[in-house]
N, C-alpha and C. Protein backbone atom coordinates (compact mmCIF):
# COMPACT_ATOMS: atom_id res chain seq x y z
N UNK A 1 -17.41 -5.18 13.08
CA UNK A 1 -16.18 -4.68 12.44
C UNK A 1 -15.04 -5.67 12.69
N UNK A 2 -14.30 -5.98 11.65
CA UNK A 2 -13.20 -6.93 11.76
C UNK A 2 -12.08 -6.36 12.61
N UNK A 3 -11.57 -7.15 13.54
CA UNK A 3 -10.44 -6.73 14.36
C UNK A 3 -9.15 -6.98 13.60
N UNK A 4 -8.34 -5.94 13.47
CA UNK A 4 -7.08 -6.06 12.75
C UNK A 4 -6.06 -6.76 13.63
N UNK A 5 -5.46 -7.82 13.11
CA UNK A 5 -4.50 -8.61 13.88
C UNK A 5 -3.07 -8.50 13.36
N UNK A 6 -2.92 -8.13 12.10
CA UNK A 6 -1.58 -8.08 11.49
C UNK A 6 -1.27 -6.64 11.09
N UNK A 7 -0.23 -6.09 11.68
CA UNK A 7 0.06 -4.67 11.58
C UNK A 7 1.37 -4.40 10.85
N UNK A 8 1.64 -3.13 10.61
CA UNK A 8 2.89 -2.70 10.00
C UNK A 8 4.03 -2.84 11.00
N UNK A 9 5.23 -3.05 10.50
CA UNK A 9 6.41 -3.13 11.35
C UNK A 9 6.85 -1.72 11.75
N UNK A 10 7.61 -1.64 12.86
CA UNK A 10 8.17 -0.35 13.27
C UNK A 10 9.07 0.22 12.18
N UNK A 11 9.80 -0.64 11.49
CA UNK A 11 10.69 -0.17 10.43
C UNK A 11 9.92 0.54 9.34
N UNK A 12 8.77 -0.01 8.95
CA UNK A 12 7.96 0.64 7.92
C UNK A 12 7.36 1.95 8.42
N UNK A 13 6.90 1.97 9.67
CA UNK A 13 6.33 3.19 10.22
C UNK A 13 7.38 4.29 10.33
N UNK A 14 8.60 3.93 10.73
CA UNK A 14 9.67 4.92 10.82
C UNK A 14 10.03 5.43 9.42
N UNK A 15 10.11 4.52 8.44
CA UNK A 15 10.40 4.94 7.08
C UNK A 15 9.33 5.86 6.52
N UNK A 16 8.08 5.56 6.86
CA UNK A 16 6.96 6.41 6.40
C UNK A 16 7.07 7.80 7.03
N UNK A 17 7.36 7.85 8.33
CA UNK A 17 7.49 9.13 9.01
C UNK A 17 8.67 9.94 8.47
N UNK A 18 9.75 9.23 8.12
CA UNK A 18 10.96 9.90 7.63
C UNK A 18 10.89 10.24 6.14
N UNK A 19 9.91 9.68 5.43
CA UNK A 19 9.78 9.94 4.01
C UNK A 19 10.77 9.19 3.15
N UNK A 20 11.21 8.01 3.62
CA UNK A 20 12.23 7.26 2.89
C UNK A 20 11.68 6.06 2.13
N UNK A 21 10.38 5.80 2.23
CA UNK A 21 9.80 4.65 1.54
C UNK A 21 9.46 4.99 0.09
N UNK A 22 9.45 3.99 -0.80
CA UNK A 22 8.97 4.23 -2.16
C UNK A 22 7.49 4.62 -2.14
N UNK A 23 7.06 5.30 -3.18
CA UNK A 23 5.67 5.77 -3.24
C UNK A 23 4.68 4.62 -3.08
N UNK A 24 4.96 3.48 -3.72
CA UNK A 24 4.04 2.35 -3.65
C UNK A 24 3.89 1.86 -2.21
N UNK A 25 4.99 1.81 -1.45
CA UNK A 25 4.93 1.40 -0.06
C UNK A 25 4.19 2.46 0.77
N UNK A 26 4.46 3.74 0.48
CA UNK A 26 3.74 4.81 1.17
C UNK A 26 2.24 4.66 1.01
N UNK A 27 1.81 4.26 -0.20
CA UNK A 27 0.39 4.11 -0.45
C UNK A 27 -0.21 3.00 0.41
N UNK A 28 0.48 1.86 0.50
CA UNK A 28 -0.01 0.77 1.34
C UNK A 28 -0.04 1.19 2.80
N UNK A 29 1.03 1.84 3.26
CA UNK A 29 1.08 2.28 4.66
C UNK A 29 -0.04 3.27 4.96
N UNK A 30 -0.20 4.28 4.11
CA UNK A 30 -1.24 5.29 4.35
C UNK A 30 -2.63 4.67 4.34
N UNK A 31 -2.86 3.72 3.45
CA UNK A 31 -4.17 3.08 3.39
C UNK A 31 -4.42 2.25 4.64
N UNK A 32 -3.40 1.52 5.10
CA UNK A 32 -3.54 0.76 6.35
C UNK A 32 -3.77 1.69 7.53
N UNK A 33 -3.05 2.80 7.60
CA UNK A 33 -3.23 3.74 8.70
C UNK A 33 -4.65 4.28 8.76
N UNK A 34 -5.27 4.43 7.60
CA UNK A 34 -6.65 4.93 7.58
C UNK A 34 -7.63 3.89 8.12
N UNK A 35 -7.19 2.63 8.23
CA UNK A 35 -8.04 1.55 8.70
C UNK A 35 -7.69 1.07 10.10
N UNK A 36 -6.52 1.45 10.63
CA UNK A 36 -5.99 0.85 11.85
C UNK A 36 -5.65 1.93 12.88
N UNK A 37 -6.39 1.96 13.98
CA UNK A 37 -6.17 2.96 15.02
C UNK A 37 -4.80 2.81 15.68
N UNK A 38 -4.38 1.57 15.96
CA UNK A 38 -3.14 1.38 16.71
C UNK A 38 -1.92 1.78 15.87
N UNK A 39 -1.90 1.42 14.60
CA UNK A 39 -0.76 1.82 13.75
C UNK A 39 -0.78 3.32 13.50
N UNK A 40 -1.96 3.90 13.40
CA UNK A 40 -2.05 5.35 13.21
C UNK A 40 -1.47 6.08 14.42
N UNK A 41 -1.76 5.60 15.62
CA UNK A 41 -1.21 6.21 16.83
C UNK A 41 0.31 6.07 16.86
N UNK A 42 0.83 4.89 16.47
CA UNK A 42 2.27 4.69 16.44
C UNK A 42 2.94 5.61 15.43
N UNK A 43 2.29 5.78 14.25
CA UNK A 43 2.85 6.66 13.23
C UNK A 43 2.89 8.11 13.72
N UNK A 44 1.87 8.52 14.44
CA UNK A 44 1.86 9.89 14.98
C UNK A 44 2.96 10.08 16.01
N UNK A 45 3.25 9.02 16.78
CA UNK A 45 4.34 9.11 17.75
C UNK A 45 5.68 9.27 17.04
N UNK A 46 5.89 8.52 15.96
CA UNK A 46 7.15 8.66 15.22
C UNK A 46 7.24 10.04 14.56
N UNK A 47 6.11 10.57 14.10
CA UNK A 47 6.12 11.93 13.56
C UNK A 47 6.56 12.93 14.63
N UNK A 48 6.04 12.75 15.84
CA UNK A 48 6.39 13.66 16.93
C UNK A 48 7.87 13.57 17.27
N UNK A 49 8.42 12.35 17.27
CA UNK A 49 9.84 12.18 17.54
C UNK A 49 10.67 12.88 16.46
N UNK A 50 10.26 12.71 15.21
CA UNK A 50 10.97 13.39 14.12
C UNK A 50 10.91 14.89 14.25
N UNK A 51 9.75 15.40 14.67
CA UNK A 51 9.62 16.85 14.88
C UNK A 51 10.53 17.35 15.98
N UNK A 52 10.67 16.54 17.03
CA UNK A 52 11.55 16.93 18.13
C UNK A 52 13.00 17.00 17.67
N UNK A 53 13.41 16.04 16.83
CA UNK A 53 14.78 16.07 16.30
C UNK A 53 15.01 17.32 15.45
N UNK A 54 14.01 17.69 14.67
CA UNK A 54 14.15 18.88 13.82
C UNK A 54 14.33 20.13 14.66
N UNK A 55 13.64 20.19 15.79
CA UNK A 55 13.74 21.37 16.64
C UNK A 55 15.13 21.52 17.25
N UNK A 56 15.84 20.40 17.42
CA UNK A 56 17.18 20.47 18.02
C UNK A 56 18.27 20.70 16.99
N UNK A 57 17.95 20.57 15.69
CA UNK A 57 18.95 20.79 14.65
C UNK A 57 19.29 22.27 14.55
N UNK A 58 20.47 22.54 14.03
CA UNK A 58 20.87 23.93 13.79
C UNK A 58 19.93 24.56 12.77
N UNK A 59 19.51 25.78 13.05
CA UNK A 59 18.58 26.46 12.17
C UNK A 59 19.30 27.03 10.96
N UNK A 60 18.65 26.92 9.81
CA UNK A 60 19.21 27.48 8.58
C UNK A 60 18.76 28.92 8.43
N UNK A 61 19.64 29.75 7.92
CA UNK A 61 19.28 31.15 7.71
C UNK A 61 18.37 31.28 6.50
N UNK A 62 17.52 32.29 6.51
CA UNK A 62 16.58 32.54 5.42
C UNK A 62 16.83 33.92 4.85
N UNK A 63 16.60 34.05 3.56
CA UNK A 63 16.74 35.35 2.92
C UNK A 63 15.66 36.30 3.42
N UNK A 64 15.95 37.56 3.40
CA UNK A 64 14.97 38.56 3.79
C UNK A 64 13.80 38.54 2.80
N UNK A 65 12.62 38.49 3.30
CA UNK A 65 11.44 38.45 2.45
C UNK A 65 11.00 37.05 2.08
N UNK A 66 11.69 36.00 2.60
CA UNK A 66 11.34 34.62 2.25
C UNK A 66 9.92 34.27 2.70
N UNK A 67 9.55 34.73 3.89
CA UNK A 67 8.22 34.42 4.41
C UNK A 67 7.14 35.05 3.52
N UNK A 68 7.34 36.31 3.15
CA UNK A 68 6.35 36.99 2.30
C UNK A 68 6.22 36.30 0.94
N UNK A 69 7.35 35.85 0.39
CA UNK A 69 7.32 35.17 -0.91
C UNK A 69 6.57 33.83 -0.80
N UNK A 70 6.81 33.12 0.30
CA UNK A 70 6.13 31.84 0.49
C UNK A 70 4.63 32.03 0.62
N UNK A 71 4.21 33.02 1.41
CA UNK A 71 2.79 33.29 1.59
C UNK A 71 2.14 33.71 0.27
N UNK A 72 2.88 34.45 -0.55
CA UNK A 72 2.35 34.87 -1.85
C UNK A 72 2.13 33.66 -2.75
N UNK A 73 3.08 32.70 -2.73
CA UNK A 73 2.93 31.50 -3.54
C UNK A 73 1.74 30.67 -3.07
N UNK A 74 1.56 30.60 -1.75
CA UNK A 74 0.40 29.86 -1.23
C UNK A 74 -0.89 30.51 -1.69
N UNK A 75 -0.90 31.85 -1.69
CA UNK A 75 -2.10 32.57 -2.11
C UNK A 75 -2.46 32.34 -3.56
N UNK A 76 -1.46 32.05 -4.40
CA UNK A 76 -1.70 31.79 -5.82
C UNK A 76 -2.05 30.34 -6.11
N UNK A 77 -1.99 29.49 -5.08
CA UNK A 77 -2.25 28.07 -5.27
C UNK A 77 -3.69 27.79 -5.59
N UNK A 78 -4.00 26.53 -5.93
CA UNK A 78 -5.37 26.16 -6.28
C UNK A 78 -6.28 26.25 -5.07
N UNK A 79 -7.54 26.49 -5.33
CA UNK A 79 -8.53 26.54 -4.26
C UNK A 79 -8.70 25.17 -3.65
N UNK A 80 -9.25 25.12 -2.47
CA UNK A 80 -9.43 23.85 -1.76
C UNK A 80 -10.25 22.88 -2.60
N UNK A 81 -9.81 21.62 -2.64
CA UNK A 81 -10.52 20.62 -3.43
C UNK A 81 -11.87 20.31 -2.82
N UNK A 82 -12.83 19.96 -3.66
CA UNK A 82 -14.14 19.58 -3.17
C UNK A 82 -14.06 18.22 -2.49
N UNK A 83 -14.84 18.04 -1.41
CA UNK A 83 -14.82 16.75 -0.73
C UNK A 83 -15.21 15.64 -1.70
N UNK A 84 -14.53 14.50 -1.59
CA UNK A 84 -14.83 13.37 -2.46
C UNK A 84 -16.07 12.65 -1.96
N UNK A 85 -16.81 12.09 -2.89
CA UNK A 85 -18.02 11.35 -2.53
C UNK A 85 -17.64 10.08 -1.78
N UNK A 86 -18.64 9.53 -1.08
CA UNK A 86 -18.41 8.29 -0.34
C UNK A 86 -17.90 7.21 -1.29
N UNK A 87 -16.97 6.39 -0.79
CA UNK A 87 -16.34 5.38 -1.64
C UNK A 87 -16.21 4.09 -0.86
N UNK A 88 -16.02 2.98 -1.60
CA UNK A 88 -15.83 1.68 -0.96
C UNK A 88 -14.35 1.36 -0.79
N UNK A 89 -13.47 2.35 -0.96
CA UNK A 89 -12.04 2.19 -0.69
C UNK A 89 -11.59 3.31 0.24
N UNK A 90 -10.56 3.08 1.07
CA UNK A 90 -10.06 4.12 1.95
C UNK A 90 -9.58 5.34 1.16
N UNK A 91 -9.65 6.50 1.78
CA UNK A 91 -9.37 7.75 1.09
C UNK A 91 -7.97 7.83 0.47
N UNK A 92 -6.89 7.32 1.08
CA UNK A 92 -5.58 7.44 0.42
C UNK A 92 -5.51 6.73 -0.93
N UNK A 93 -6.40 5.77 -1.15
CA UNK A 93 -6.36 4.97 -2.37
C UNK A 93 -7.23 5.54 -3.48
N UNK A 94 -8.17 6.40 -3.13
CA UNK A 94 -9.16 6.85 -4.13
C UNK A 94 -8.53 7.56 -5.31
N UNK A 95 -7.57 8.46 -5.04
CA UNK A 95 -6.97 9.22 -6.13
C UNK A 95 -6.22 8.32 -7.11
N UNK A 96 -5.64 7.23 -6.62
CA UNK A 96 -4.89 6.31 -7.48
C UNK A 96 -5.84 5.49 -8.36
N UNK A 97 -7.05 5.24 -7.86
CA UNK A 97 -8.03 4.48 -8.63
C UNK A 97 -8.84 5.40 -9.54
N UNK A 98 -9.06 6.64 -9.05
CA UNK A 98 -9.95 7.54 -9.77
C UNK A 98 -11.39 7.34 -9.36
N UNK A 99 -11.60 6.84 -8.15
CA UNK A 99 -12.95 6.57 -7.66
C UNK A 99 -12.95 5.38 -6.72
N UNK A 100 -13.93 4.50 -6.92
CA UNK A 100 -14.06 3.30 -6.08
C UNK A 100 -13.71 2.05 -6.84
N UNK A 101 -14.02 0.91 -6.25
CA UNK A 101 -13.68 -0.37 -6.87
C UNK A 101 -14.40 -0.57 -8.20
N UNK A 102 -15.55 0.05 -8.35
CA UNK A 102 -16.27 -0.06 -9.62
C UNK A 102 -15.57 0.63 -10.77
N UNK A 103 -14.58 1.48 -10.46
CA UNK A 103 -13.85 2.20 -11.50
C UNK A 103 -12.52 1.53 -11.85
N UNK A 104 -12.19 0.44 -11.17
CA UNK A 104 -10.91 -0.23 -11.42
C UNK A 104 -10.93 -0.94 -12.77
N UNK A 105 -9.88 -0.77 -13.54
CA UNK A 105 -9.74 -1.43 -14.84
C UNK A 105 -8.93 -2.71 -14.63
N UNK A 106 -9.61 -3.80 -14.35
CA UNK A 106 -8.95 -5.06 -14.03
C UNK A 106 -8.37 -5.72 -15.28
N UNK A 107 -7.30 -6.46 -15.08
CA UNK A 107 -6.69 -7.25 -16.14
C UNK A 107 -6.45 -8.66 -15.63
N UNK A 108 -6.85 -9.64 -16.39
CA UNK A 108 -6.72 -11.03 -15.97
C UNK A 108 -5.26 -11.45 -15.91
N UNK A 109 -4.92 -12.20 -14.84
CA UNK A 109 -3.59 -12.79 -14.74
C UNK A 109 -3.67 -14.31 -14.70
N UNK A 110 -4.88 -14.85 -14.93
CA UNK A 110 -5.07 -16.29 -15.00
C UNK A 110 -5.72 -16.88 -13.77
N UNK A 111 -6.42 -17.99 -13.96
CA UNK A 111 -7.07 -18.73 -12.89
C UNK A 111 -8.08 -17.88 -12.12
N UNK A 112 -8.69 -16.92 -12.82
CA UNK A 112 -9.70 -16.07 -12.22
C UNK A 112 -9.15 -14.87 -11.48
N UNK A 113 -7.86 -14.85 -11.22
CA UNK A 113 -7.24 -13.73 -10.51
C UNK A 113 -7.06 -12.56 -11.47
N UNK A 114 -7.35 -11.37 -10.98
CA UNK A 114 -7.19 -10.16 -11.78
C UNK A 114 -6.34 -9.15 -11.02
N UNK A 115 -5.75 -8.22 -11.76
CA UNK A 115 -4.96 -7.17 -11.13
C UNK A 115 -5.15 -5.86 -11.87
N UNK A 116 -4.79 -4.78 -11.18
CA UNK A 116 -4.75 -3.46 -11.79
C UNK A 116 -3.51 -2.76 -11.24
N UNK A 117 -2.54 -2.51 -12.11
CA UNK A 117 -1.30 -1.84 -11.70
C UNK A 117 -1.59 -0.35 -11.56
N UNK A 118 -1.20 0.23 -10.43
CA UNK A 118 -1.43 1.65 -10.16
C UNK A 118 -0.20 2.46 -10.54
N UNK A 119 -0.42 3.71 -10.88
CA UNK A 119 0.66 4.58 -11.32
C UNK A 119 1.40 5.15 -10.10
N UNK A 120 2.66 4.70 -9.91
CA UNK A 120 3.51 5.21 -8.85
C UNK A 120 4.93 5.36 -9.40
N UNK A 121 5.85 5.83 -8.57
CA UNK A 121 7.24 5.95 -8.99
C UNK A 121 7.81 4.57 -9.29
N UNK A 122 8.91 4.53 -10.04
CA UNK A 122 9.45 3.27 -10.55
C UNK A 122 10.21 2.45 -9.50
N UNK A 123 10.47 3.00 -8.33
CA UNK A 123 11.26 2.28 -7.34
C UNK A 123 10.52 1.10 -6.73
N UNK A 124 9.20 1.07 -6.87
CA UNK A 124 8.39 -0.06 -6.41
C UNK A 124 7.07 -0.02 -7.17
N UNK A 125 6.35 -1.13 -7.15
CA UNK A 125 5.11 -1.26 -7.91
C UNK A 125 3.94 -1.49 -6.96
N UNK A 126 2.84 -0.80 -7.21
CA UNK A 126 1.61 -1.00 -6.45
C UNK A 126 0.54 -1.55 -7.38
N UNK A 127 -0.26 -2.50 -6.87
CA UNK A 127 -1.32 -3.08 -7.67
C UNK A 127 -2.48 -3.48 -6.78
N UNK A 128 -3.66 -3.49 -7.37
CA UNK A 128 -4.82 -4.09 -6.73
C UNK A 128 -4.95 -5.51 -7.23
N UNK A 129 -5.27 -6.43 -6.34
CA UNK A 129 -5.46 -7.84 -6.69
C UNK A 129 -6.89 -8.25 -6.36
N UNK A 130 -7.52 -8.92 -7.30
CA UNK A 130 -8.86 -9.47 -7.11
C UNK A 130 -8.74 -11.00 -7.18
N UNK A 131 -8.99 -11.66 -6.04
CA UNK A 131 -8.87 -13.11 -5.97
C UNK A 131 -10.26 -13.69 -5.69
N UNK A 132 -10.87 -14.40 -6.63
CA UNK A 132 -12.19 -14.97 -6.40
C UNK A 132 -12.20 -15.90 -5.19
N UNK A 133 -13.32 -15.97 -4.52
CA UNK A 133 -13.46 -16.83 -3.34
C UNK A 133 -13.01 -18.25 -3.68
N UNK A 134 -12.11 -18.79 -2.88
CA UNK A 134 -11.61 -20.15 -3.08
C UNK A 134 -10.46 -20.26 -4.05
N UNK A 135 -10.13 -19.18 -4.77
CA UNK A 135 -9.04 -19.23 -5.74
C UNK A 135 -7.71 -18.92 -5.06
N UNK A 136 -6.63 -19.29 -5.74
CA UNK A 136 -5.28 -19.11 -5.17
C UNK A 136 -4.42 -18.28 -6.11
N UNK A 137 -3.54 -17.49 -5.51
CA UNK A 137 -2.46 -16.85 -6.26
C UNK A 137 -1.36 -17.89 -6.43
N UNK A 138 -0.74 -18.00 -7.60
CA UNK A 138 0.29 -19.02 -7.80
C UNK A 138 1.37 -18.99 -6.73
N UNK A 139 1.85 -20.17 -6.38
CA UNK A 139 2.91 -20.33 -5.38
C UNK A 139 4.12 -19.49 -5.79
N UNK A 140 4.62 -18.68 -4.85
CA UNK A 140 5.74 -17.81 -5.19
C UNK A 140 6.56 -17.44 -3.97
N UNK A 141 7.80 -17.02 -4.24
CA UNK A 141 8.68 -16.44 -3.24
C UNK A 141 8.92 -14.99 -3.59
N UNK A 142 9.93 -14.38 -2.94
CA UNK A 142 10.14 -12.94 -3.09
C UNK A 142 11.62 -12.63 -3.25
N UNK A 143 11.89 -11.70 -4.15
CA UNK A 143 13.26 -11.21 -4.33
C UNK A 143 13.51 -9.94 -3.53
N UNK A 144 12.47 -9.43 -2.91
CA UNK A 144 12.55 -8.22 -2.10
C UNK A 144 11.45 -8.25 -1.06
N UNK A 145 10.82 -7.11 -0.85
CA UNK A 145 9.73 -6.99 0.12
C UNK A 145 8.40 -6.86 -0.60
N UNK A 146 7.39 -7.53 -0.08
CA UNK A 146 6.03 -7.41 -0.59
C UNK A 146 5.10 -7.07 0.57
N UNK A 147 4.35 -5.99 0.43
CA UNK A 147 3.32 -5.61 1.40
C UNK A 147 1.97 -5.91 0.78
N UNK A 148 1.13 -6.65 1.50
CA UNK A 148 -0.20 -6.98 0.99
C UNK A 148 -1.24 -6.59 2.04
N UNK A 149 -2.08 -5.63 1.70
CA UNK A 149 -3.12 -5.13 2.59
C UNK A 149 -4.47 -5.61 2.09
N UNK A 150 -5.24 -6.27 2.94
CA UNK A 150 -6.56 -6.76 2.56
C UNK A 150 -7.57 -5.62 2.68
N UNK A 151 -8.29 -5.37 1.59
CA UNK A 151 -9.34 -4.35 1.58
C UNK A 151 -10.71 -4.97 1.81
N UNK A 152 -10.94 -6.12 1.20
CA UNK A 152 -12.22 -6.83 1.35
C UNK A 152 -11.95 -8.32 1.37
N UNK A 153 -12.81 -9.06 2.08
CA UNK A 153 -12.65 -10.50 2.12
C UNK A 153 -11.48 -10.91 2.99
N UNK A 154 -10.91 -12.07 2.72
CA UNK A 154 -9.78 -12.58 3.50
C UNK A 154 -9.05 -13.64 2.69
N UNK A 155 -7.77 -13.84 3.03
CA UNK A 155 -7.01 -14.94 2.43
C UNK A 155 -6.19 -15.62 3.51
N UNK A 156 -5.78 -16.82 3.21
CA UNK A 156 -4.90 -17.59 4.09
C UNK A 156 -3.67 -18.04 3.31
N UNK A 157 -2.57 -18.16 4.03
CA UNK A 157 -1.39 -18.83 3.48
C UNK A 157 -0.76 -19.66 4.59
N UNK A 158 0.45 -20.11 4.39
CA UNK A 158 1.08 -21.00 5.36
C UNK A 158 1.35 -20.32 6.69
N UNK A 159 1.32 -19.00 6.73
CA UNK A 159 1.67 -18.27 7.94
C UNK A 159 0.47 -17.91 8.81
N UNK A 160 -0.66 -17.49 8.20
CA UNK A 160 -1.77 -16.99 8.99
C UNK A 160 -2.98 -16.70 8.09
N UNK A 161 -4.03 -16.19 8.74
CA UNK A 161 -5.22 -15.70 8.04
C UNK A 161 -5.16 -14.17 8.07
N UNK A 162 -5.45 -13.56 6.91
CA UNK A 162 -5.41 -12.11 6.79
C UNK A 162 -6.78 -11.62 6.31
N UNK A 163 -7.43 -10.79 7.12
CA UNK A 163 -8.76 -10.26 6.81
C UNK A 163 -8.66 -8.76 6.57
N UNK A 164 -9.81 -8.12 6.37
CA UNK A 164 -9.84 -6.70 6.03
C UNK A 164 -9.07 -5.86 7.04
N UNK A 165 -8.14 -5.06 6.56
CA UNK A 165 -7.31 -4.21 7.40
C UNK A 165 -5.98 -4.83 7.75
N UNK A 166 -5.87 -6.16 7.67
CA UNK A 166 -4.61 -6.83 7.97
C UNK A 166 -3.60 -6.59 6.85
N UNK A 167 -2.32 -6.53 7.22
CA UNK A 167 -1.26 -6.38 6.23
C UNK A 167 -0.23 -7.47 6.46
N UNK A 168 0.16 -8.14 5.37
CA UNK A 168 1.22 -9.14 5.43
C UNK A 168 2.49 -8.53 4.88
N UNK A 169 3.58 -8.64 5.65
CA UNK A 169 4.90 -8.16 5.22
C UNK A 169 5.73 -9.39 4.89
N UNK A 170 6.02 -9.58 3.61
CA UNK A 170 6.75 -10.76 3.14
C UNK A 170 8.13 -10.34 2.64
N UNK A 171 9.11 -11.21 2.87
CA UNK A 171 10.46 -10.96 2.36
C UNK A 171 11.02 -12.21 1.70
N UNK A 172 12.33 -12.22 1.48
CA UNK A 172 12.96 -13.32 0.73
C UNK A 172 12.82 -14.68 1.42
N UNK A 173 12.51 -14.68 2.70
CA UNK A 173 12.40 -15.94 3.45
C UNK A 173 11.06 -16.65 3.26
N UNK A 174 10.08 -15.95 2.69
CA UNK A 174 8.72 -16.52 2.63
C UNK A 174 8.37 -17.02 1.24
N UNK A 175 7.99 -18.29 1.16
CA UNK A 175 7.33 -18.86 -0.01
C UNK A 175 5.89 -19.17 0.41
N UNK A 176 4.92 -18.73 -0.39
CA UNK A 176 3.54 -18.97 0.02
C UNK A 176 2.60 -19.03 -1.17
N UNK A 177 1.39 -19.53 -0.89
CA UNK A 177 0.31 -19.62 -1.87
C UNK A 177 -0.94 -19.02 -1.25
N UNK A 178 -1.16 -17.72 -1.37
CA UNK A 178 -2.35 -17.11 -0.79
C UNK A 178 -3.62 -17.65 -1.44
N UNK A 179 -4.59 -18.04 -0.60
CA UNK A 179 -5.86 -18.59 -1.06
C UNK A 179 -7.00 -17.78 -0.46
N UNK A 180 -7.87 -17.24 -1.30
CA UNK A 180 -9.02 -16.48 -0.81
C UNK A 180 -10.01 -17.41 -0.12
N UNK A 181 -10.56 -16.95 0.98
CA UNK A 181 -11.51 -17.77 1.72
C UNK A 181 -12.81 -17.97 0.92
N UNK A 182 -13.45 -19.10 1.17
CA UNK A 182 -14.74 -19.37 0.56
C UNK A 182 -15.77 -18.39 1.11
N UNK A 183 -16.67 -17.95 0.26
CA UNK A 183 -17.77 -17.12 0.71
C UNK A 183 -17.69 -15.67 0.29
N UNK A 184 -16.49 -15.17 0.01
CA UNK A 184 -16.36 -13.76 -0.39
C UNK A 184 -15.08 -13.59 -1.19
N UNK A 185 -15.18 -12.88 -2.31
CA UNK A 185 -13.99 -12.56 -3.09
C UNK A 185 -13.06 -11.68 -2.26
N UNK A 186 -11.76 -11.81 -2.50
CA UNK A 186 -10.76 -11.07 -1.74
C UNK A 186 -10.13 -10.01 -2.63
N UNK A 187 -10.09 -8.78 -2.14
CA UNK A 187 -9.46 -7.68 -2.86
C UNK A 187 -8.35 -7.12 -1.98
N UNK A 188 -7.15 -7.02 -2.54
CA UNK A 188 -5.97 -6.58 -1.79
C UNK A 188 -5.27 -5.45 -2.51
N UNK A 189 -4.55 -4.66 -1.75
CA UNK A 189 -3.60 -3.68 -2.28
C UNK A 189 -2.21 -4.20 -1.95
N UNK A 190 -1.39 -4.40 -2.98
CA UNK A 190 -0.06 -4.98 -2.77
C UNK A 190 1.01 -4.07 -3.37
N UNK A 191 2.18 -4.07 -2.74
CA UNK A 191 3.32 -3.31 -3.25
C UNK A 191 4.57 -4.18 -3.18
N UNK A 192 5.37 -4.14 -4.22
CA UNK A 192 6.61 -4.92 -4.28
C UNK A 192 7.75 -4.03 -4.77
N UNK A 193 8.95 -4.26 -4.23
CA UNK A 193 10.11 -3.50 -4.69
C UNK A 193 11.05 -4.36 -5.54
N UNK A 194 10.60 -5.58 -5.88
CA UNK A 194 11.36 -6.46 -6.76
C UNK A 194 10.39 -7.49 -7.32
N UNK A 195 10.68 -8.08 -8.49
CA UNK A 195 9.77 -9.08 -9.07
C UNK A 195 9.61 -10.28 -8.14
N UNK A 196 8.41 -10.88 -8.17
CA UNK A 196 8.18 -12.10 -7.42
C UNK A 196 8.96 -13.26 -8.04
N UNK A 197 9.12 -14.31 -7.28
CA UNK A 197 9.83 -15.50 -7.76
C UNK A 197 8.85 -16.66 -7.81
N UNK A 198 8.22 -16.86 -8.98
CA UNK A 198 7.21 -17.90 -9.12
C UNK A 198 7.87 -19.27 -9.25
N UNK A 199 7.22 -20.26 -8.65
CA UNK A 199 7.77 -21.61 -8.65
C UNK A 199 7.27 -22.45 -9.83
N UNK A 200 6.26 -21.98 -10.53
CA UNK A 200 5.73 -22.70 -11.69
C UNK A 200 6.14 -21.96 -12.97
N UNK A 201 6.39 -22.73 -14.03
CA UNK A 201 6.90 -22.11 -15.25
C UNK A 201 5.86 -21.25 -15.97
N UNK A 202 4.56 -21.55 -15.84
CA UNK A 202 3.54 -20.77 -16.54
C UNK A 202 3.51 -19.32 -16.06
N UNK A 203 3.39 -19.07 -14.73
CA UNK A 203 3.45 -17.67 -14.31
C UNK A 203 4.78 -17.01 -14.60
N UNK A 204 5.87 -17.79 -14.59
CA UNK A 204 7.17 -17.19 -14.92
C UNK A 204 7.19 -16.69 -16.36
N UNK A 205 6.55 -17.44 -17.27
CA UNK A 205 6.51 -17.03 -18.67
C UNK A 205 5.71 -15.73 -18.84
N UNK A 206 4.62 -15.60 -18.06
CA UNK A 206 3.75 -14.42 -18.21
C UNK A 206 4.24 -13.23 -17.41
N UNK A 207 5.16 -13.45 -16.51
CA UNK A 207 5.59 -12.40 -15.56
C UNK A 207 6.02 -11.10 -16.22
N UNK A 208 6.84 -11.11 -17.28
CA UNK A 208 7.26 -9.84 -17.86
C UNK A 208 6.11 -9.03 -18.43
N UNK A 209 5.06 -9.69 -18.90
CA UNK A 209 3.92 -8.99 -19.50
C UNK A 209 2.97 -8.46 -18.44
N UNK A 210 2.93 -9.13 -17.29
CA UNK A 210 1.99 -8.76 -16.23
C UNK A 210 2.61 -7.81 -15.21
N UNK A 211 3.92 -7.57 -15.30
CA UNK A 211 4.63 -6.64 -14.42
C UNK A 211 4.49 -7.05 -12.95
N UNK A 212 4.59 -8.35 -12.68
CA UNK A 212 4.48 -8.84 -11.32
C UNK A 212 5.88 -9.09 -10.75
């Protein structure tokens, strides 16, 4: 089993616990937590801290019968969902794909690289990236934050090597050219809260159509 070396920041874990992250970022964080014991433990600690703060807040009054009404609504809710079949993607990601990697509707973005944009809220964008072994994502910078979680394979850039379970947190200070390692295609889950800043004119021309 691959040892995870690159983890989520405390800022992201706190935002996830507080519910302040965009949906696309929440998806990356939840998927990483399903793969990483240490980040999952840290997230649980932040949840506990948040719960302690709630207990010290002034209590809000409730209308008479509020509990009975809530229980009645729960009783009318849908029955428990059937367990999902085994998949080659972590459970937080399955509902967004509609299954496993074999169900992904890939779209070419050039040079063998493919992507599939996932349906999330408009405040940030989530996508799956398929990078053939030895291929590179065009050189680019960032106008905001980009989270890239490796699901399969590995890639390298100027900063480090990222393998399955690793997450790279990139901001405006980073320009890089991720290259998939030889021997295995690389599949990543990425989220961005602003368009990338490509250094070559060809990807810049295609950017509005590819929603990158």
